[in-house]
Amino acid sequence: MEFNNNKNYKVGYQNPPIETRFKKGVSGNRKGRPKGHKNFNTKLKYFLDGKISITNAGETVEATKSDAILLQLTNKAAQGDNKAIKTLLPKMEALYNADAERTARAFSKTDMEILKDFLDENANN
C-alpha cells in the first residue's frame, strides 16, 4: 500500500488519495438528472392514454389504448376465453361488491324502515 503525505492515512481499497477525492461543494455528477426525465409509470400512463382508432360492432371510434385493452379483454371473456375470464372475474367481483356496499351505506336504518313500510302498504296495489 502507498502512503499519502499524511503519515496516518493509508491509500487502498475504499480509501482514495485525498487529492483525487471530490472537493467540498463540488458534485460528482455535474450534469445531474436530465430535466424532463420520466420514470416508468409516467411513460406507461402516457402511452396508455394515447389515442387509437378501433372498430367495435362495425363502427370506427377513437379511444385510448387502455380502453381498447379493456374492450378486448371483455370481448374475449364473453367469447369464453378462460384466461380472460380468470383475469376479469376478480375485478368484476370487487366492482359489484363496492357498488353494493356504497348503496347499502347510502340508506340509513330509518330510510330502510320507511321503504319497507311503503312496500308493505303498496304490495296489494
N, C-alpha and C. Protein backbone atom coordinates (compact mmCIF):
# COMPACT_ATOMS: atom_id res chain seq x y z
N MET A 1 0.82 -1.18 0.00
CA MET A 1 0.00 0.00 0.00
C MET A 1 0.87 1.24 0.00
N GLU A 2 0.32 2.25 -0.71
CA GLU A 2 1.05 3.51 -0.72
C GLU A 2 0.60 4.36 0.45
N PHE A 3 1.48 5.20 0.87
CA PHE A 3 1.14 6.15 1.93
C PHE A 3 1.04 7.53 1.33
N ASN A 4 0.06 8.28 1.76
CA ASN A 4 -0.12 9.64 1.30
C ASN A 4 0.81 10.54 2.11
N ASN A 5 0.73 11.88 1.87
CA ASN A 5 1.55 12.83 2.61
C ASN A 5 1.30 12.72 4.11
N ASN A 6 0.03 12.46 4.47
CA ASN A 6 -0.31 12.29 5.88
C ASN A 6 0.17 10.92 6.31
N LYS A 7 0.97 10.84 7.31
CA LYS A 7 1.58 9.58 7.73
C LYS A 7 0.56 8.57 8.24
N ASN A 8 -0.60 9.04 8.77
CA ASN A 8 -1.58 8.13 9.35
C ASN A 8 -2.61 7.63 8.33
N TYR A 9 -2.61 8.16 7.11
CA TYR A 9 -3.63 7.83 6.12
C TYR A 9 -3.08 6.80 5.14
N LYS A 10 -3.78 5.65 5.04
CA LYS A 10 -3.37 4.61 4.10
C LYS A 10 -4.23 4.67 2.86
N VAL A 11 -3.64 4.65 1.70
CA VAL A 11 -4.34 4.63 0.42
C VAL A 11 -4.55 3.18 0.05
N GLY A 12 -5.79 2.84 -0.34
CA GLY A 12 -6.09 1.47 -0.74
C GLY A 12 -7.57 1.32 -0.99
N TYR A 13 -8.07 0.10 -0.81
CA TYR A 13 -9.48 -0.21 -1.06
C TYR A 13 -10.37 0.69 -0.19
N GLN A 14 -11.27 1.42 -0.82
CA GLN A 14 -12.21 2.36 -0.20
C GLN A 14 -11.51 3.51 0.52
N ASN A 15 -10.28 3.74 0.22
CA ASN A 15 -9.52 4.87 0.76
C ASN A 15 -8.77 5.55 -0.37
N PRO A 16 -9.45 6.38 -1.17
CA PRO A 16 -8.77 7.01 -2.30
C PRO A 16 -7.81 8.10 -1.81
N PRO A 17 -6.86 8.43 -2.66
CA PRO A 17 -5.95 9.51 -2.28
C PRO A 17 -6.73 10.81 -2.04
N ILE A 18 -6.30 11.59 -1.09
CA ILE A 18 -7.00 12.81 -0.71
C ILE A 18 -7.08 13.77 -1.91
N GLU A 19 -6.05 13.81 -2.72
CA GLU A 19 -6.01 14.76 -3.85
C GLU A 19 -7.08 14.45 -4.91
N THR A 20 -7.48 13.16 -5.04
CA THR A 20 -8.42 12.79 -6.10
C THR A 20 -9.86 12.70 -5.61
N ARG A 21 -10.11 12.94 -4.35
CA ARG A 21 -11.48 12.90 -3.82
C ARG A 21 -12.27 14.10 -4.32
N PHE A 22 -13.61 13.98 -4.26
CA PHE A 22 -14.45 15.13 -4.62
C PHE A 22 -14.21 16.24 -3.61
N LYS A 23 -14.05 17.44 -4.10
CA LYS A 23 -13.85 18.59 -3.22
C LYS A 23 -15.18 19.00 -2.60
N LYS A 24 -15.15 19.60 -1.45
CA LYS A 24 -16.37 20.04 -0.78
C LYS A 24 -17.09 21.06 -1.66
N GLY A 25 -18.42 20.86 -1.79
CA GLY A 25 -19.24 21.77 -2.58
C GLY A 25 -19.24 21.49 -4.07
N VAL A 26 -18.52 20.46 -4.52
CA VAL A 26 -18.46 20.11 -5.94
C VAL A 26 -19.13 18.76 -6.11
N SER A 27 -20.11 18.70 -7.00
CA SER A 27 -20.85 17.46 -7.23
C SER A 27 -20.03 16.51 -8.08
N GLY A 28 -20.22 15.23 -7.85
CA GLY A 28 -19.59 14.22 -8.69
C GLY A 28 -20.37 14.00 -9.98
N ASN A 29 -21.61 14.51 -10.02
CA ASN A 29 -22.45 14.38 -11.20
C ASN A 29 -22.84 15.79 -11.63
N ARG A 30 -21.95 16.44 -12.35
CA ARG A 30 -22.15 17.85 -12.67
C ARG A 30 -23.41 18.11 -13.50
N LYS A 31 -23.71 17.20 -14.42
CA LYS A 31 -24.91 17.40 -15.25
C LYS A 31 -26.17 17.09 -14.48
N GLY A 32 -26.13 16.17 -13.56
CA GLY A 32 -27.31 15.81 -12.77
C GLY A 32 -28.32 15.04 -13.61
N ARG A 33 -29.51 14.84 -13.04
CA ARG A 33 -30.58 14.16 -13.76
C ARG A 33 -31.11 15.08 -14.84
N PRO A 34 -31.26 14.59 -16.06
CA PRO A 34 -31.77 15.45 -17.13
C PRO A 34 -33.18 15.94 -16.82
N LYS A 35 -33.44 17.20 -17.12
CA LYS A 35 -34.78 17.75 -16.90
C LYS A 35 -35.77 17.04 -17.82
N GLY A 36 -36.96 16.79 -17.28
CA GLY A 36 -37.99 16.15 -18.07
C GLY A 36 -37.84 14.65 -18.17
N HIS A 37 -36.88 14.08 -17.49
CA HIS A 37 -36.70 12.62 -17.50
C HIS A 37 -37.88 11.98 -16.78
N LYS A 38 -38.53 11.03 -17.44
CA LYS A 38 -39.74 10.43 -16.89
C LYS A 38 -39.45 9.02 -16.40
N ASN A 39 -40.14 8.64 -15.31
CA ASN A 39 -39.97 7.28 -14.80
C ASN A 39 -40.91 6.34 -15.57
N PHE A 40 -40.84 5.05 -15.25
CA PHE A 40 -41.60 4.03 -15.98
C PHE A 40 -43.10 4.27 -15.89
N ASN A 41 -43.62 4.55 -14.69
CA ASN A 41 -45.06 4.73 -14.51
C ASN A 41 -45.58 5.91 -15.31
N THR A 42 -44.82 6.99 -15.36
CA THR A 42 -45.23 8.17 -16.13
C THR A 42 -45.29 7.84 -17.61
N LYS A 43 -44.28 7.11 -18.10
CA LYS A 43 -44.26 6.73 -19.51
C LYS A 43 -45.41 5.78 -19.84
N LEU A 44 -45.66 4.80 -18.94
CA LEU A 44 -46.74 3.85 -19.17
C LEU A 44 -48.08 4.57 -19.26
N LYS A 45 -48.33 5.48 -18.33
CA LYS A 45 -49.59 6.24 -18.35
C LYS A 45 -49.70 7.05 -19.64
N TYR A 46 -48.61 7.66 -20.07
CA TYR A 46 -48.60 8.44 -21.31
C TYR A 46 -48.99 7.57 -22.50
N PHE A 47 -48.40 6.38 -22.60
CA PHE A 47 -48.68 5.51 -23.74
C PHE A 47 -50.09 4.92 -23.67
N LEU A 48 -50.57 4.58 -22.47
CA LEU A 48 -51.93 4.03 -22.34
C LEU A 48 -52.99 5.09 -22.62
N ASP A 49 -52.67 6.35 -22.39
CA ASP A 49 -53.62 7.43 -22.67
C ASP A 49 -53.60 7.86 -24.13
N GLY A 50 -52.68 7.28 -24.92
CA GLY A 50 -52.61 7.61 -26.35
C GLY A 50 -53.86 7.13 -27.08
N LYS A 51 -54.26 7.87 -28.09
CA LYS A 51 -55.49 7.55 -28.84
C LYS A 51 -55.19 6.66 -30.03
N ILE A 52 -56.13 5.73 -30.29
CA ILE A 52 -56.08 4.88 -31.48
C ILE A 52 -57.50 4.74 -32.02
N SER A 53 -57.61 4.34 -33.27
CA SER A 53 -58.91 4.08 -33.87
C SER A 53 -59.22 2.61 -33.73
N ILE A 54 -60.42 2.29 -33.23
CA ILE A 54 -60.83 0.90 -33.10
C ILE A 54 -62.19 0.71 -33.76
N THR A 55 -62.44 -0.50 -34.19
CA THR A 55 -63.74 -0.83 -34.78
C THR A 55 -64.48 -1.72 -33.81
N ASN A 56 -65.65 -1.27 -33.39
CA ASN A 56 -66.47 -2.03 -32.45
C ASN A 56 -67.88 -2.09 -33.02
N ALA A 57 -68.36 -3.29 -33.27
CA ALA A 57 -69.69 -3.50 -33.84
C ALA A 57 -69.85 -2.76 -35.16
N GLY A 58 -68.80 -2.80 -36.00
CA GLY A 58 -68.87 -2.18 -37.32
C GLY A 58 -68.72 -0.67 -37.32
N GLU A 59 -68.49 -0.08 -36.17
CA GLU A 59 -68.37 1.37 -36.07
C GLU A 59 -66.95 1.73 -35.64
N THR A 60 -66.30 2.62 -36.37
CA THR A 60 -64.95 3.04 -36.04
C THR A 60 -65.01 4.24 -35.11
N VAL A 61 -64.36 4.10 -33.97
CA VAL A 61 -64.33 5.19 -32.99
C VAL A 61 -62.89 5.38 -32.52
N GLU A 62 -62.63 6.56 -31.98
CA GLU A 62 -61.31 6.84 -31.42
C GLU A 62 -61.39 6.62 -29.91
N ALA A 63 -60.43 5.86 -29.37
CA ALA A 63 -60.43 5.56 -27.94
C ALA A 63 -58.98 5.50 -27.45
N THR A 64 -58.82 5.54 -26.14
CA THR A 64 -57.48 5.39 -25.58
C THR A 64 -57.06 3.93 -25.68
N LYS A 65 -55.76 3.70 -25.60
CA LYS A 65 -55.25 2.34 -25.67
C LYS A 65 -55.73 1.52 -24.47
N SER A 66 -55.84 2.15 -23.31
CA SER A 66 -56.33 1.43 -22.14
C SER A 66 -57.79 1.01 -22.34
N ASP A 67 -58.60 1.86 -22.98
CA ASP A 67 -59.98 1.49 -23.29
C ASP A 67 -60.02 0.31 -24.27
N ALA A 68 -59.12 0.34 -25.25
CA ALA A 68 -59.06 -0.75 -26.24
C ALA A 68 -58.67 -2.07 -25.57
N ILE A 69 -57.75 -2.00 -24.61
CA ILE A 69 -57.33 -3.21 -23.90
C ILE A 69 -58.50 -3.78 -23.11
N LEU A 70 -59.23 -2.92 -22.41
CA LEU A 70 -60.39 -3.38 -21.64
C LEU A 70 -61.47 -3.95 -22.56
N LEU A 71 -61.67 -3.34 -23.71
CA LEU A 71 -62.65 -3.83 -24.66
C LEU A 71 -62.26 -5.23 -25.16
N GLN A 72 -60.99 -5.40 -25.50
CA GLN A 72 -60.51 -6.71 -25.95
C GLN A 72 -60.68 -7.76 -24.86
N LEU A 73 -60.33 -7.39 -23.63
CA LEU A 73 -60.42 -8.33 -22.51
C LEU A 73 -61.86 -8.76 -22.28
N THR A 74 -62.78 -7.82 -22.27
CA THR A 74 -64.18 -8.17 -22.03
C THR A 74 -64.76 -8.96 -23.19
N ASN A 75 -64.37 -8.63 -24.42
CA ASN A 75 -64.85 -9.39 -25.58
C ASN A 75 -64.35 -10.83 -25.54
N LYS A 76 -63.08 -11.01 -25.20
CA LYS A 76 -62.53 -12.37 -25.14
C LYS A 76 -63.18 -13.17 -24.02
N ALA A 77 -63.44 -12.52 -22.88
CA ALA A 77 -64.12 -13.21 -21.77
C ALA A 77 -65.52 -13.62 -22.19
N ALA A 78 -66.22 -12.75 -22.91
CA ALA A 78 -67.57 -13.06 -23.37
C ALA A 78 -67.58 -14.21 -24.38
N GLN A 79 -66.47 -14.37 -25.11
CA GLN A 79 -66.37 -15.46 -26.08
C GLN A 79 -65.93 -16.77 -25.43
N GLY A 80 -65.61 -16.73 -24.12
CA GLY A 80 -65.27 -17.95 -23.40
C GLY A 80 -63.80 -18.20 -23.20
N ASP A 81 -62.96 -17.22 -23.42
CA ASP A 81 -61.52 -17.37 -23.20
C ASP A 81 -61.26 -17.47 -21.70
N ASN A 82 -60.77 -18.64 -21.25
CA ASN A 82 -60.59 -18.89 -19.82
C ASN A 82 -59.62 -17.93 -19.15
N LYS A 83 -58.52 -17.59 -19.82
CA LYS A 83 -57.56 -16.66 -19.23
C LYS A 83 -58.20 -15.29 -19.02
N ALA A 84 -58.96 -14.83 -20.00
CA ALA A 84 -59.62 -13.54 -19.88
C ALA A 84 -60.66 -13.57 -18.76
N ILE A 85 -61.38 -14.67 -18.65
CA ILE A 85 -62.39 -14.80 -17.59
C ILE A 85 -61.72 -14.78 -16.22
N LYS A 86 -60.61 -15.52 -16.07
CA LYS A 86 -59.90 -15.55 -14.79
C LYS A 86 -59.35 -14.17 -14.42
N THR A 87 -58.96 -13.40 -15.41
CA THR A 87 -58.45 -12.06 -15.17
C THR A 87 -59.59 -11.12 -14.78
N LEU A 88 -60.72 -11.28 -15.44
CA LEU A 88 -61.82 -10.33 -15.27
C LEU A 88 -62.70 -10.60 -14.05
N LEU A 89 -62.88 -11.87 -13.68
CA LEU A 89 -63.79 -12.20 -12.58
C LEU A 89 -63.46 -11.51 -11.25
N PRO A 90 -62.21 -11.53 -10.80
CA PRO A 90 -61.93 -10.84 -9.53
C PRO A 90 -62.21 -9.33 -9.60
N LYS A 91 -61.94 -8.73 -10.74
CA LYS A 91 -62.20 -7.30 -10.91
C LYS A 91 -63.70 -7.02 -10.88
N MET A 92 -64.48 -7.91 -11.54
CA MET A 92 -65.94 -7.75 -11.55
C MET A 92 -66.50 -7.90 -10.14
N GLU A 93 -66.01 -8.90 -9.42
CA GLU A 93 -66.49 -9.14 -8.06
C GLU A 93 -66.21 -7.93 -7.17
N ALA A 94 -65.00 -7.40 -7.24
CA ALA A 94 -64.65 -6.22 -6.44
C ALA A 94 -65.51 -5.03 -6.83
N LEU A 95 -65.76 -4.87 -8.12
CA LEU A 95 -66.57 -3.75 -8.60
C LEU A 95 -68.00 -3.84 -8.09
N TYR A 96 -68.62 -5.01 -8.22
CA TYR A 96 -70.01 -5.16 -7.81
C TYR A 96 -70.15 -5.14 -6.29
N ASN A 97 -69.16 -5.68 -5.57
CA ASN A 97 -69.21 -5.61 -4.11
C ASN A 97 -69.09 -4.17 -3.63
N ALA A 98 -68.23 -3.40 -4.27
CA ALA A 98 -68.06 -1.99 -3.90
C ALA A 98 -69.35 -1.22 -4.18
N ASP A 99 -70.01 -1.51 -5.31
CA ASP A 99 -71.28 -0.85 -5.63
C ASP A 99 -72.35 -1.19 -4.60
N ALA A 100 -72.43 -2.47 -4.23
CA ALA A 100 -73.43 -2.89 -3.26
C ALA A 100 -73.16 -2.26 -1.90
N GLU A 101 -71.90 -2.18 -1.52
CA GLU A 101 -71.52 -1.59 -0.25
C GLU A 101 -71.87 -0.11 -0.22
N ARG A 102 -71.60 0.58 -1.32
CA ARG A 102 -71.90 2.00 -1.43
C ARG A 102 -73.41 2.24 -1.34
N THR A 103 -74.20 1.38 -2.00
CA THR A 103 -75.65 1.50 -1.97
C THR A 103 -76.18 1.23 -0.56
N ALA A 104 -75.63 0.23 0.10
CA ALA A 104 -76.08 -0.11 1.45
C ALA A 104 -75.78 1.03 2.41
N ARG A 105 -74.66 1.71 2.23
CA ARG A 105 -74.31 2.82 3.11
C ARG A 105 -75.15 4.06 2.81
N ALA A 106 -75.71 4.14 1.61
CA ALA A 106 -76.46 5.33 1.22
C ALA A 106 -77.78 5.44 1.99
N PHE A 107 -78.33 4.31 2.44
CA PHE A 107 -79.59 4.31 3.17
C PHE A 107 -79.34 4.05 4.65
N SER A 108 -79.93 4.89 5.50
CA SER A 108 -79.82 4.66 6.94
C SER A 108 -80.89 3.64 7.35
N LYS A 109 -80.86 3.21 8.62
CA LYS A 109 -81.85 2.26 9.11
C LYS A 109 -83.25 2.86 9.02
N THR A 110 -83.37 4.13 9.33
CA THR A 110 -84.68 4.80 9.25
C THR A 110 -85.19 4.79 7.81
N ASP A 111 -84.31 5.07 6.86
CA ASP A 111 -84.70 5.05 5.45
C ASP A 111 -85.18 3.66 5.04
N MET A 112 -84.47 2.65 5.49
CA MET A 112 -84.86 1.28 5.15
C MET A 112 -86.22 0.92 5.75
N GLU A 113 -86.49 1.37 6.98
CA GLU A 113 -87.78 1.11 7.62
C GLU A 113 -88.91 1.79 6.85
N ILE A 114 -88.68 3.04 6.43
CA ILE A 114 -89.69 3.78 5.67
C ILE A 114 -89.96 3.06 4.34
N LEU A 115 -88.91 2.61 3.66
CA LEU A 115 -89.08 1.89 2.40
C LEU A 115 -89.84 0.58 2.60
N LYS A 116 -89.51 -0.13 3.67
CA LYS A 116 -90.19 -1.40 3.95
C LYS A 116 -91.68 -1.16 4.22
N ASP A 117 -91.99 -0.14 5.03
CA ASP A 117 -93.40 0.20 5.30
C ASP A 117 -94.13 0.55 4.02
N PHE A 118 -93.48 1.34 3.17
CA PHE A 118 -94.09 1.74 1.91
C PHE A 118 -94.38 0.52 1.04
N LEU A 119 -93.40 -0.40 0.94
CA LEU A 119 -93.58 -1.59 0.12
C LEU A 119 -94.67 -2.49 0.68
N ASP A 120 -94.74 -2.59 2.02
CA ASP A 120 -95.78 -3.40 2.66
C ASP A 120 -97.19 -2.84 2.37
N GLU A 121 -97.30 -1.51 2.44
CA GLU A 121 -98.58 -0.85 2.20
C GLU A 121 -99.02 -0.99 0.76
N ASN A 122 -98.07 -0.94 -0.16
CA ASN A 122 -98.41 -0.95 -1.58
C ASN A 122 -98.22 -2.31 -2.24
N ALA A 123 -98.07 -3.35 -1.46
CA ALA A 123 -97.89 -4.69 -2.00
C ALA A 123 -99.15 -5.18 -2.69
N ASN A 124 -100.30 -4.77 -2.22
CA ASN A 124 -101.58 -5.22 -2.79
C ASN A 124 -101.92 -4.47 -4.07
N ASN A 125 -101.38 -3.32 -4.29
CA ASN A 125 -101.73 -2.49 -5.46
C ASN A 125 -100.97 -2.87 -6.67
